[in-house]
Protein backbone atom coordinates (compact mmCIF):
# COMPACT_ATOMS: atom_id res chain seq x y z
CA MET A 1 -0.06 0.10 -0.01
CA LEU A 2 2.40 2.17 -0.05
CA GLY A 3 2.60 3.29 -3.24
CA VAL A 4 -1.23 4.09 -2.79
CA ILE A 5 -0.28 6.49 0.11
CA ILE A 6 2.23 8.31 -1.94
CA ASN A 7 0.43 8.62 -4.93
CA VAL A 8 -2.89 10.04 -2.50
CA ILE A 9 -0.30 12.66 -0.83
CA THR A 10 0.74 14.02 -3.82
CA VAL A 11 -2.59 14.28 -4.72
CA LEU A 12 -3.46 16.74 -2.01
CA ILE A 13 -0.17 18.58 -2.20
CA GLY A 14 -0.61 18.91 -6.12
CA SER A 15 -4.50 20.39 -5.00
CA SER A 16 -3.25 22.32 -2.35
CA ILE A 17 -0.72 24.41 -4.46
CA GLY A 18 -2.99 24.35 -7.28
CA LEU A 19 -5.59 25.41 -5.16
CA LEU A 20 -3.35 28.58 -3.49
CA LEU A 21 -2.77 29.54 -7.44
CA LYS A 22 -6.02 29.60 -8.80
CA LYS A 23 -6.67 33.21 -7.94
CA SER A 24 -3.05 33.95 -9.31
CA ILE A 25 -3.77 32.46 -12.76
CA PRO A 26 -5.09 34.83 -15.58
CA GLU A 27 -8.40 33.09 -17.16
CA ARG A 28 -6.59 32.55 -20.17
CA VAL A 29 -3.62 30.53 -18.92
CA SER A 30 -5.90 28.13 -16.97
CA ARG A 31 -7.58 27.43 -20.65
CA ALA A 32 -4.11 26.95 -22.44
CA THR A 33 -3.35 24.33 -19.20
CA MET A 34 -6.35 22.75 -19.64
CA VAL A 35 -5.79 22.14 -23.30
CA GLY A 36 -1.98 21.46 -22.41
CA LEU A 37 -3.27 18.48 -19.98
CA GLY A 38 -5.83 17.35 -22.25
CA VAL A 39 -3.32 16.82 -25.14
CA CYS A 40 -1.07 14.95 -22.93
CA THR A 41 -3.61 12.77 -20.94
CA LEU A 42 -4.23 11.75 -24.88
CA TYR A 43 -0.73 10.68 -25.13
CA ILE A 44 -1.32 8.60 -22.24
CA GLY A 45 -4.61 6.98 -23.12
CA ILE A 46 -2.95 6.19 -26.94
CA SER A 47 0.14 4.66 -25.93
CA GLY A 48 -1.98 2.79 -23.41
CA SER A 49 -4.29 1.45 -25.90
CA LEU A 50 -1.73 -0.16 -28.04
CA LYS A 51 -0.97 -2.53 -25.84
CA GLY A 52 -3.96 -4.75 -26.09
CA GLU A 53 -3.25 -7.53 -29.15
CA ASN A 54 -7.27 -8.05 -30.31
CA VAL A 55 -9.19 -5.17 -31.53
CA LEU A 56 -12.27 -7.37 -31.26
CA ILE A 57 -11.73 -8.21 -27.52
CA LEU A 58 -11.69 -4.09 -26.96
CA ILE A 59 -14.16 -3.30 -29.29
CA ALA A 60 -16.41 -5.79 -27.33
CA SER A 61 -15.78 -4.31 -24.05
CA VAL A 62 -16.06 -0.91 -24.99
CA VAL A 63 -19.61 -1.45 -26.31
CA SER A 64 -20.55 -4.20 -23.78
CA GLY A 65 -19.35 -1.72 -21.04
CA ALA A 66 -21.02 1.36 -22.03
CA VAL A 67 -24.84 -0.08 -22.64
CA ALA A 68 -24.33 -1.62 -19.11
CA GLY A 69 -22.95 1.46 -17.79
CA THR A 70 -25.48 3.61 -19.45
CA LEU A 71 -28.19 0.97 -18.34
CA LEU A 72 -26.88 1.73 -14.37
CA LYS A 73 -26.66 5.29 -15.15
CA ILE A 74 -23.50 5.07 -13.31
CA ASP A 75 -22.48 8.48 -14.80
CA ASP A 76 -25.97 10.12 -13.20
CA ALA A 77 -25.21 8.18 -9.62
CA ILE A 78 -21.55 9.59 -9.51
CA ASN A 79 -22.73 13.06 -10.15
CA LYS A 80 -25.78 13.37 -7.41
CA LEU A 81 -23.08 12.33 -4.65
CA ALA A 82 -20.56 14.36 -5.92
CA LYS A 83 -23.76 16.93 -5.93
CA ARG A 84 -24.66 16.45 -2.44
CA ILE A 85 -20.77 16.78 -1.86
CA GLU A 86 -20.41 20.59 -4.09
CA THR A 87 -23.72 22.13 -1.54
CA ARG A 88 -21.78 21.47 1.42
CA PHE A 89 -18.55 22.98 0.00
CA LYS A 90 -19.42 25.32 -3.10
CA LYS A 91 -19.80 28.77 -2.25
CA ASN A 92 -22.42 30.73 -3.78
CA LYS A 93 -19.87 33.20 -5.87
CA ASP A 94 -18.12 30.37 -7.03
CA ASP A 95 -18.61 28.99 -10.52
CA VAL A 96 -17.06 25.74 -10.67
CA SER A 97 -18.60 22.40 -9.99
CA ILE A 98 -17.11 20.87 -7.45
CA ALA A 99 -18.78 17.56 -9.01
CA GLU A 100 -16.64 18.01 -12.03
CA GLY A 101 -13.75 18.18 -10.62
CA ILE A 102 -14.30 15.22 -8.22
CA ILE A 103 -15.37 12.67 -11.56
CA SER A 104 -13.17 14.51 -14.00
CA ALA A 105 -9.74 13.87 -11.16
CA THR A 106 -10.96 10.53 -10.05
CA LEU A 107 -11.04 9.16 -14.15
CA LEU A 108 -7.77 11.04 -14.83
CA PHE A 109 -5.79 9.58 -11.52
CA CYS A 110 -7.72 5.66 -11.48
CA VAL A 111 -8.57 4.55 -14.63
CA GLY A 112 -5.92 4.07 -17.02
CA SER A 113 -2.67 1.86 -17.85
CA MET A 114 -0.38 2.64 -14.66
CA THR A 115 -3.72 2.51 -12.05
CA ILE A 116 -3.95 -0.78 -13.33
CA THR A 117 -0.35 -3.07 -13.52
CA GLY A 118 0.89 -0.34 -10.68
CA SER A 119 -1.94 -1.53 -8.67
CA ILE A 120 -1.80 -5.29 -9.71
CA GLN A 121 2.18 -5.34 -8.92
CA ALA A 122 2.31 -3.99 -6.23
CA GLY A 123 -0.24 -6.35 -4.96
CA LEU A 124 1.21 -9.18 -6.22
CA THR A 125 5.24 -8.43 -5.97
CA GLY A 126 5.21 -5.38 -3.52
CA ASP A 127 6.94 -3.57 -6.31
CA ASN A 128 5.50 -0.15 -6.33
CA SER A 129 7.68 1.71 -8.78
CA ILE A 130 5.19 2.14 -10.84
CA LEU A 131 2.75 3.44 -8.39
CA ILE A 132 5.20 6.29 -7.71
CA THR A 133 5.86 7.23 -10.53
CA LYS A 134 2.37 7.77 -11.48
CA ALA A 135 1.96 9.63 -8.13
CA MET A 136 5.02 12.32 -9.55
CA LEU A 137 2.59 12.42 -12.76
CA ASP A 138 -0.70 12.75 -10.72
CA LEU A 139 1.25 15.67 -8.32
CA VAL A 140 1.70 18.02 -11.54
CA SER A 141 -1.81 16.55 -13.29
CA SER A 142 -3.30 17.63 -9.81
CA MET A 143 -1.77 20.98 -9.41
CA MET A 144 -2.74 22.42 -12.95
CA LEU A 145 -6.84 20.41 -12.60
CA ALA A 146 -7.12 21.78 -9.24
CA SER A 147 -6.30 25.34 -10.88
CA THR A 148 -8.75 25.21 -12.82
CA LEU A 149 -11.40 22.42 -11.51
CA GLY A 150 -10.93 23.78 -7.28
CA VAL A 151 -11.08 22.01 -4.78
CA GLY A 152 -13.20 18.74 -5.94
CA VAL A 153 -9.83 17.86 -7.04
CA LEU A 154 -8.68 17.85 -3.91
CA LEU A 155 -11.57 15.58 -2.48
CA SER A 156 -10.82 13.16 -5.29
CA SER A 157 -7.46 11.81 -3.13
CA ALA A 158 -10.27 9.29 -1.12
CA ALA A 159 -11.75 8.09 -4.49
CA VAL A 160 -7.37 7.53 -4.98
CA PHE A 161 -7.11 5.83 -1.63
CA ILE A 162 -9.96 3.77 -1.89
CA ILE A 163 -9.63 2.89 -5.44
CA GLN A 164 -6.35 1.93 -5.96
CA GLY A 165 -6.38 0.31 -2.57
CA GLY A 166 -9.03 -1.73 -3.50
CA LEU A 167 -6.89 -2.86 -6.55
CA VAL A 168 -3.55 -4.14 -4.97
CA LEU A 169 -5.81 -5.90 -2.12
CA LEU A 170 -7.98 -7.58 -4.71
CA SER A 171 -5.10 -8.16 -7.14
CA GLY A 172 -4.03 -11.32 -4.89
CA LEU A 173 -7.19 -12.71 -5.21
CA ILE A 174 -6.97 -12.85 -9.76
CA SER A 175 -3.75 -13.51 -9.92
CA SER A 176 -4.21 -16.67 -10.27
CA VAL A 177 -6.71 -16.72 -13.12
CA MET A 178 -5.32 -13.50 -14.25
CA SER A 179 -2.53 -13.84 -17.17
CA THR A 180 -0.23 -11.13 -18.85
CA ALA A 181 -2.15 -10.87 -21.57
CA SER A 182 -5.61 -10.27 -20.00
CA ILE A 183 -4.26 -7.12 -18.23
CA ASN A 184 -2.90 -5.92 -21.34
CA GLU A 185 -6.65 -5.82 -22.50
CA MET A 186 -7.69 -4.22 -19.33
CA THR A 187 -4.76 -1.42 -19.92
CA ALA A 188 -6.19 -1.32 -23.29
CA VAL A 189 -10.08 -0.61 -22.61
CA GLY A 190 -8.96 1.63 -20.03
CA SER A 191 -7.01 3.69 -21.89
CA LEU A 192 -9.51 4.33 -24.13
CA LEU A 193 -10.96 6.24 -21.28
CA ILE A 194 -8.23 7.71 -20.53
CA ILE A 195 -8.33 9.10 -24.90
CA MET A 196 -11.95 9.79 -23.42
CA ILE A 197 -11.29 12.70 -20.79
CA GLY A 198 -8.49 13.57 -22.64
CA THR A 199 -11.01 15.48 -25.47
CA ASN A 200 -13.15 16.48 -22.40
CA LEU A 201 -10.32 18.42 -21.01
CA MET A 202 -10.06 19.99 -24.07
CA GLY A 203 -13.51 21.22 -24.28
CA ILE A 204 -13.58 18.78 -27.52
CA THR A 205 -16.44 16.41 -26.01
CA LYS A 206 -18.28 15.93 -23.02
CA ILE A 207 -18.29 12.28 -22.86
CA LYS A 208 -20.23 10.51 -19.61
CA VAL A 209 -16.86 9.35 -19.34
CA ALA A 210 -18.39 7.40 -15.70
CA ASP A 211 -20.71 5.06 -18.16
CA PHE A 212 -17.79 3.37 -20.05
CA LEU A 213 -15.90 1.82 -16.72
CA PRO A 214 -18.13 -1.44 -16.97
CA ALA A 215 -15.98 -1.55 -20.37
CA ILE A 216 -12.54 -2.40 -17.81
CA LEU A 217 -14.16 -5.42 -15.87
CA PHE A 218 -15.61 -6.90 -19.22
CA ALA A 219 -11.96 -6.97 -21.02
CA PRO A 220 -10.37 -9.73 -19.26
CA VAL A 221 -14.43 -11.79 -19.47
CA PHE A 222 -14.20 -11.56 -23.39
CA TYR A 223 -10.53 -12.26 -23.23
CA TYR A 224 -10.73 -15.19 -21.54
CA ILE A 225 -14.08 -16.10 -24.34
CA PHE A 226 -12.20 -15.48 -27.40
CA THR A 227 -9.20 -17.55 -26.11
CA LEU A 228 -11.31 -20.37 -24.96
CA PHE A 229 -12.94 -20.67 -28.80
CA GLU A 230 -10.11 -20.00 -30.65
CA SER A 231 -8.40 -23.16 -28.41
CA LEU A 232 -11.98 -24.81 -29.68
CA TYR A 233 -11.02 -23.74 -33.22
CA LEU A 234 -7.75 -24.96 -32.98
CA ARG A 235 -8.85 -28.67 -31.67
CA PHE A 236 -11.13 -29.04 -34.70
CA VAL A 237 -9.38 -27.63 -36.81
């Protein structure tokens, strides 16, 4: 859990610095920063998405995840929870949505290749190197996000602890059934969600990324289904 704790601390520190600098940063600089951060997020997402080896698994996972997430109204549920937090913390004169800050930051920090592989590696081997590297990246990202999206980014540190900590603890339970290839497919799908976040940060799209979260869980399922059919095909050919 050392890597998770370090990541939470860096998000808290980065967000605090961003909030302190918020009033001194001109709006045009904030907008440019968000575009730049969006571009960097796209790069991270594209790099991770290339780790998948079967595009059919990617497509099936994203489509199934989108259907499941939309029917379950995951984005709406997260927004309602965030709005409740927002009513407690948001000042009337503040036009920045705390809900937007919480959701955007949580998805950016918790959905992606480094989160999945780093948490699993930490849980299985005790090696926190990937999570610590991610923590340094999140230090800068949280600083920039908090300067534009406000205190919601700071509050997302709780989600970082819960999600990444949960992955570390659960990795020991799934180690016997998860192969490197299935983890790569999860990484590819998660990275596509990171790309969606990047386009949202740049103002290009307004995708409800949270509704696509089930796609990450579908990825290993489809991987084993495809592997099973492939082995059966080879057996009878």
